[in-house]
C-alpha atoms as a PDB file:
ATOM      1  CA  MET A   1     -54.142  23.513  16.690  1.00  0.00           C
ATOM      2  CA  THR A   2     -54.291  20.122  15.180  1.00  0.00           C
ATOM      3  CA  GLU A   3     -53.279  21.555  11.791  1.00  0.00           C
ATOM      4  CA  THR A   4     -50.248  23.270  13.207  1.00  0.00           C
ATOM      5  CA  SER A   5     -48.987  20.222  15.091  1.00  0.00           C
ATOM      6  CA  ASP A   6     -49.627  18.093  12.002  1.00  0.00           C
ATOM      7  CA  LEU A   7     -47.639  20.430  10.005  1.00  0.00           C
ATOM      8  CA  GLN A   8     -44.759  20.596  12.505  1.00  0.00           C
ATOM      9  CA  GLY A   9     -44.767  16.859  12.599  1.00  0.00           C
ATOM     10  CA  GLU A  10     -44.682  16.720   8.809  1.00  0.00           C
ATOM     11  CA  HIS A  11     -41.886  19.267   8.675  1.00  0.00           C
ATOM     12  CA  GLY A  12     -40.001  17.494  11.477  1.00  0.00           C
ATOM     13  CA  ALA A  13     -40.122  14.230   9.455  1.00  0.00           C
ATOM     14  CA  ARG A  14     -38.857  15.879   6.414  1.00  0.00           C
ATOM     15  CA  ARG A  15     -36.072  17.598   8.330  1.00  0.00           C
ATOM     16  CA  ARG A  16     -35.066  14.207   9.824  1.00  0.00           C
ATOM     17  CA  THR A  17     -34.991  12.623   6.417  1.00  0.00           C
ATOM     18  CA  LEU A  18     -32.843  15.562   5.022  1.00  0.00           C
ATOM     19  CA  PHE A  19     -30.371  15.301   7.838  1.00  0.00           C
ATOM     20  CA  THR A  20     -30.281  11.585   7.566  1.00  0.00           C
ATOM     21  CA  GLY A  21     -29.460  11.701   3.827  1.00  0.00           C
ATOM     22  CA  ALA A  22     -26.955  14.429   4.328  1.00  0.00           C
ATOM     23  CA  GLY A  23     -25.195  12.385   7.052  1.00  0.00           C
ATOM     24  CA  ALA A  24     -25.028   9.425   4.831  1.00  0.00           C
ATOM     25  CA  ILE A  25     -23.550  11.484   1.974  1.00  0.00           C
ATOM     26  CA  GLY A  26     -20.985  12.997   4.371  1.00  0.00           C
ATOM     27  CA  VAL A  27     -19.866   9.501   5.770  1.00  0.00           C
ATOM     28  CA  ALA A  28     -19.547   8.191   2.142  1.00  0.00           C
ATOM     29  CA  GLY A  29     -17.422  11.079   1.263  1.00  0.00           C
ATOM     30  CA  PHE A  30     -15.256  10.828   4.333  1.00  0.00           C
ATOM     31  CA  LEU A  31     -14.670   7.031   3.671  1.00  0.00           C
ATOM     32  CA  ALA A  32     -13.797   7.736   0.000  1.00  0.00           C
ATOM     33  CA  ALA A  33     -11.211  10.399   1.059  1.00  0.00           C
ATOM     34  CA  CYS A  34      -9.692   8.098   3.679  1.00  0.00           C
ATOM     35  CA  GLY A  35      -8.914   5.683   0.994  1.00  0.00           C
ATOM     36  CA  GLY A  36      -6.340   8.096  -0.463  1.00  0.00           C
ATOM     37  CA  GLU A  37      -4.397   8.763   2.602  1.00  0.00           C
ATOM     38  CA  THR A  38      -1.459   6.993   4.156  1.00  0.00           C
ATOM     39  CA  PRO A  39      -1.432   6.343   7.775  1.00  0.00           C
ATOM     40  CA  GLN A  40       1.309   9.069   8.079  1.00  0.00           C
ATOM     41  CA  GLY A  41      -1.148  11.648   6.543  1.00  0.00           C
ATOM     42  CA  GLY A  42       0.567  11.836   3.119  1.00  0.00           C
ATOM     43  CA  THR A  43      -0.996  11.181  -0.093  1.00  0.00           C
ATOM     44  CA  ASN A  44      -1.180   7.522  -1.242  1.00  0.00           C
ATOM     45  CA  THR A  45      -0.272   6.635  -4.786  1.00  0.00           C
ATOM     46  CA  SER A  46      -0.801   3.039  -4.305  1.00  0.00           C
ATOM     47  CA  THR A  47      -3.911   1.450  -5.553  1.00  0.00           C
ATOM     48  CA  PRO A  48      -5.356  -2.040  -5.518  1.00  0.00           C
ATOM     49  CA  THR A  49      -4.668  -3.800  -8.685  1.00  0.00           C
ATOM     50  CA  GLY A  50      -6.630  -6.804  -8.257  1.00  0.00           C
ATOM     51  CA  ASN A  51      -5.280  -9.740 -10.303  1.00  0.00           C
ATOM     52  CA  ALA A  52      -1.936  -8.291 -11.197  1.00  0.00           C
ATOM     53  CA  ALA A  53       0.076  -9.838 -14.085  1.00  0.00           C
ATOM     54  CA  PRO A  54       3.109 -11.735 -12.864  1.00  0.00           C
ATOM     55  CA  PRO A  55       6.192  -9.399 -12.422  1.00  0.00           C
ATOM     56  CA  PRO A  56       8.477  -9.298 -15.407  1.00  0.00           C
ATOM     57  CA  THR A  57      11.687 -11.277 -15.238  1.00  0.00           C
ATOM     58  CA  GLY A  58      14.933  -9.564 -15.875  1.00  0.00           C
ATOM     59  CA  GLY A  59      16.878  -9.676 -19.007  1.00  0.00           C
ATOM     60  CA  ALA A  60      20.661  -9.795 -19.214  1.00  0.00           C
ATOM     61  CA  SER A  61      20.815  -5.982 -19.369  1.00  0.00           C
ATOM     62  CA  ASP A  62      17.961  -5.098 -17.062  1.00  0.00           C
ATOM     63  CA  VAL A  63      19.929  -3.665 -14.157  1.00  0.00           C
ATOM     64  CA  LEU A  64      17.634  -2.569 -11.261  1.00  0.00           C
ATOM     65  CA  ALA A  65      20.098  -0.760  -9.337  1.00  0.00           C
ATOM     66  CA  LYS A  66      23.679  -0.527  -8.100  1.00  0.00           C
ATOM     67  CA  LYS A  67      24.407  -2.181  -4.907  1.00  0.00           C
ATOM     68  CA  SER A  68      25.233   1.425  -3.432  1.00  0.00           C
ATOM     69  CA  ASP A  69      21.751   2.504  -4.362  1.00  0.00           C
ATOM     70  CA  ILE A  70      20.215   0.271  -1.753  1.00  0.00           C
ATOM     71  CA  PRO A  71      20.766   1.526   1.879  1.00  0.00           C
ATOM     72  CA  VAL A  72      21.915  -0.951   4.516  1.00  0.00           C
ATOM     73  CA  GLY A  73      18.877  -1.511   6.887  1.00  0.00           C
ATOM     74  CA  GLY A  74      16.625  -0.241   4.139  1.00  0.00           C
ATOM     75  CA  GLY A  75      15.638  -0.871   0.533  1.00  0.00           C
ATOM     76  CA  LYS A  76      14.016   0.509  -2.720  1.00  0.00           C
ATOM     77  CA  ILE A  77      10.843  -0.096  -4.423  1.00  0.00           C
ATOM     78  CA  PHE A  78      10.973  -0.496  -8.254  1.00  0.00           C
ATOM     79  CA  GLY A  79       7.283   0.012  -9.220  1.00  0.00           C
ATOM     80  CA  GLU A  80       7.655  -0.646 -13.015  1.00  0.00           C
ATOM     81  CA  GLN A  81       9.249  -4.076 -12.327  1.00  0.00           C
ATOM     82  CA  LEU A  82       6.906  -4.637  -9.170  1.00  0.00           C
ATOM     83  CA  VAL A  83       9.946  -5.677  -7.051  1.00  0.00           C
ATOM     84  CA  VAL A  84      11.367  -4.400  -3.727  1.00  0.00           C
ATOM     85  CA  VAL A  85      15.186  -4.830  -3.112  1.00  0.00           C
ATOM     86  CA  THR A  86      16.406  -4.640   0.331  1.00  0.00           C
ATOM     87  CA  GLN A  87      19.859  -4.845   2.138  1.00  0.00           C
ATOM     88  CA  PRO A  88      19.073  -6.011   5.641  1.00  0.00           C
ATOM     89  CA  THR A  89      22.686  -6.202   6.585  1.00  0.00           C
ATOM     90  CA  ALA A  90      25.767  -4.847   4.613  1.00  0.00           C
ATOM     91  CA  GLY A  91      26.347  -6.893   1.432  1.00  0.00           C
ATOM     92  CA  THR A  92      23.128  -9.083   1.887  1.00  0.00           C
ATOM     93  CA  PHE A  93      20.476  -8.372  -0.682  1.00  0.00           C
ATOM     94  CA  ALA A  94      16.878  -9.669  -0.781  1.00  0.00           C
ATOM     95  CA  GLY A  95      14.124  -9.252  -3.432  1.00  0.00           C
ATOM     96  CA  PHE A  96      10.362  -9.392  -2.902  1.00  0.00           C
ATOM     97  CA  SER A  97       7.130  -8.657  -4.840  1.00  0.00           C
ATOM     98  CA  ALA A  98       6.165  -5.055  -4.465  1.00  0.00           C
ATOM     99  CA  MET A  99       2.445  -6.261  -4.138  1.00  0.00           C
ATOM    100  CA  CYS A 100       0.960  -6.106  -0.693  1.00  0.00           C
ATOM    101  CA  THR A 101      -0.495  -9.523   0.202  1.00  0.00           C
ATOM    102  CA  HIS A 102      -3.593  -7.946   1.869  1.00  0.00           C
ATOM    103  CA  GLN A 103      -5.241  -6.305  -1.211  1.00  0.00           C
ATOM    104  CA  GLN A 104      -2.590  -6.168  -3.858  1.00  0.00           C
ATOM    105  CA  CYS A 105      -1.827  -2.560  -3.618  1.00  0.00           C
ATOM    106  CA  VAL A 106       1.756  -1.543  -4.860  1.00  0.00           C
ATOM    107  CA  LEU A 107       3.930  -1.144  -1.765  1.00  0.00           C
ATOM    108  CA  ALA A 108       4.675   2.544  -0.874  1.00  0.00           C
ATOM    109  CA  LYS A 109       8.071   2.788   1.048  1.00  0.00           C
ATOM    110  CA  VAL A 110      10.807   1.182   2.846  1.00  0.00           C
ATOM    111  CA  GLU A 111      11.651   2.765   6.277  1.00  0.00           C
ATOM    112  CA  GLY A 112      12.332   1.817   9.809  1.00  0.00           C
ATOM    113  CA  GLY A 113      13.415  -1.787   8.833  1.00  0.00           C
ATOM    114  CA  THR A 114      10.043  -2.592   7.185  1.00  0.00           C
ATOM    115  CA  ILE A 115       8.460  -2.454   3.721  1.00  0.00           C
ATOM    116  CA  ASN A 116       5.281  -0.448   4.077  1.00  0.00           C
ATOM    117  CA  CYS A 117       1.889  -0.509   2.384  1.00  0.00           C
ATOM    118  CA  GLY A 118       0.299   2.887   1.938  1.00  0.00           C
ATOM    119  CA  CYS A 119      -3.248   1.469   1.443  1.00  0.00           C
ATOM    120  CA  HIS A 120      -4.027  -0.180   4.785  1.00  0.00           C
ATOM    121  CA  GLY A 121      -0.781   0.099   6.798  1.00  0.00           C
ATOM    122  CA  SER A 122       0.601  -3.457   6.422  1.00  0.00           C
ATOM    123  CA  LYS A 123       4.358  -3.798   7.157  1.00  0.00           C
ATOM    124  CA  PHE A 124       6.789  -6.457   6.093  1.00  0.00           C
ATOM    125  CA  ALA A 125      10.187  -7.362   7.430  1.00  0.00           C
ATOM    126  CA  ILE A 126      13.182  -6.211   4.970  1.00  0.00           C
ATOM    127  CA  SER A 127      15.067  -9.419   5.835  1.00  0.00           C
ATOM    128  CA  ASP A 128      12.541 -12.063   4.888  1.00  0.00           C
ATOM    129  CA  GLY A 129       9.270 -10.259   3.779  1.00  0.00           C
ATOM    130  CA  SER A 130       7.443 -11.730   6.845  1.00  0.00           C
ATOM    131  CA  VAL A 131       4.425  -9.737   8.193  1.00  0.00           C
ATOM    132  CA  ARG A 132       5.324  -7.400  10.981  1.00  0.00           C
ATOM    133  CA  ASN A 133       1.907  -5.508  11.013  1.00  0.00           C
ATOM    134  CA  GLY A 134      -1.469  -6.286   9.533  1.00  0.00           C
ATOM    135  CA  PRO A 135      -3.927  -6.330   8.173  1.00  0.00           C
ATOM    136  CA  ALA A 136      -1.739  -8.584   5.797  1.00  0.00           C
ATOM    137  CA  THR A 137      -1.426 -12.210   7.027  1.00  0.00           C
ATOM    138  CA  THR A 138       0.831 -13.580   4.402  1.00  0.00           C
ATOM    139  CA  ARG A 139       4.601 -12.778   3.779  1.00  0.00           C
ATOM    140  CA  LEU A 140       5.666 -11.049   0.556  1.00  0.00           C
ATOM    141  CA  GLU A 141       6.630 -13.349  -2.298  1.00  0.00           C
ATOM    142  CA  LYS A 142      10.292 -13.649  -2.847  1.00  0.00           C
ATOM    143  CA  ARG A 143      11.962 -12.530  -6.130  1.00  0.00           C
ATOM    144  CA  GLU A 144      15.151 -13.973  -7.091  1.00  0.00           C
ATOM    145  CA  LEU A 145      18.125 -11.476  -7.607  1.00  0.00           C
ATOM    146  CA  LYS A 146      21.205 -11.751  -9.494  1.00  0.00           C
ATOM    147  CA  ILE A 147      24.245  -9.750  -8.320  1.00  0.00           C
ATOM    148  CA  GLU A 148      26.828  -9.121 -10.989  1.00  0.00           C
ATOM    149  CA  GLY A 149      29.667  -6.957  -9.873  1.00  0.00           C
ATOM    150  CA  ASP A 150      28.051  -3.802  -8.490  1.00  0.00           C
ATOM    151  CA  ASP A 151      24.694  -4.401 -10.523  1.00  0.00           C
ATOM    152  CA  ILE A 152      21.511  -5.851  -8.961  1.00  0.00           C
ATOM    153  CA  LYS A 153      19.315  -7.529 -11.543  1.00  0.00           C
ATOM    154  CA  LEU A 154      16.202  -9.773 -11.561  1.00  0.00           C
ATOM    155  CA  ALA A 155      17.290 -13.425 -12.009  1.00  0.00           C
END
């Protein structure tokens, strides 16, 4: 009987090791999958960029948008230029960096009066770039805009 109990103990230990290893792999897979989803459950195209290059400055003909393209109480993200243009109130336009100050993800969308990061859920005010919801603790950097007629450009 000693042989049988020793074998069962040995198999039990192997089984525990197997389940422990499988559990660790499952948790790692789950955490990796979570990194690609936004808090709303959609797919996140934002990725941390680390030490991103400074955003390009606009040239004389570099029109970002027409004023009518930017909704009042909202905004639009221009990923290539790494800038967000908002219109908090009619006729007032603001420009901000499109990089989240938490971990340098490119911001995902503007809705509900905030500029939102799809990586970790930070939200920033469309009026001044201040933090409305963490984990970010620092406001968005301002970007100077130049309004020429109906055109919005980087200054």
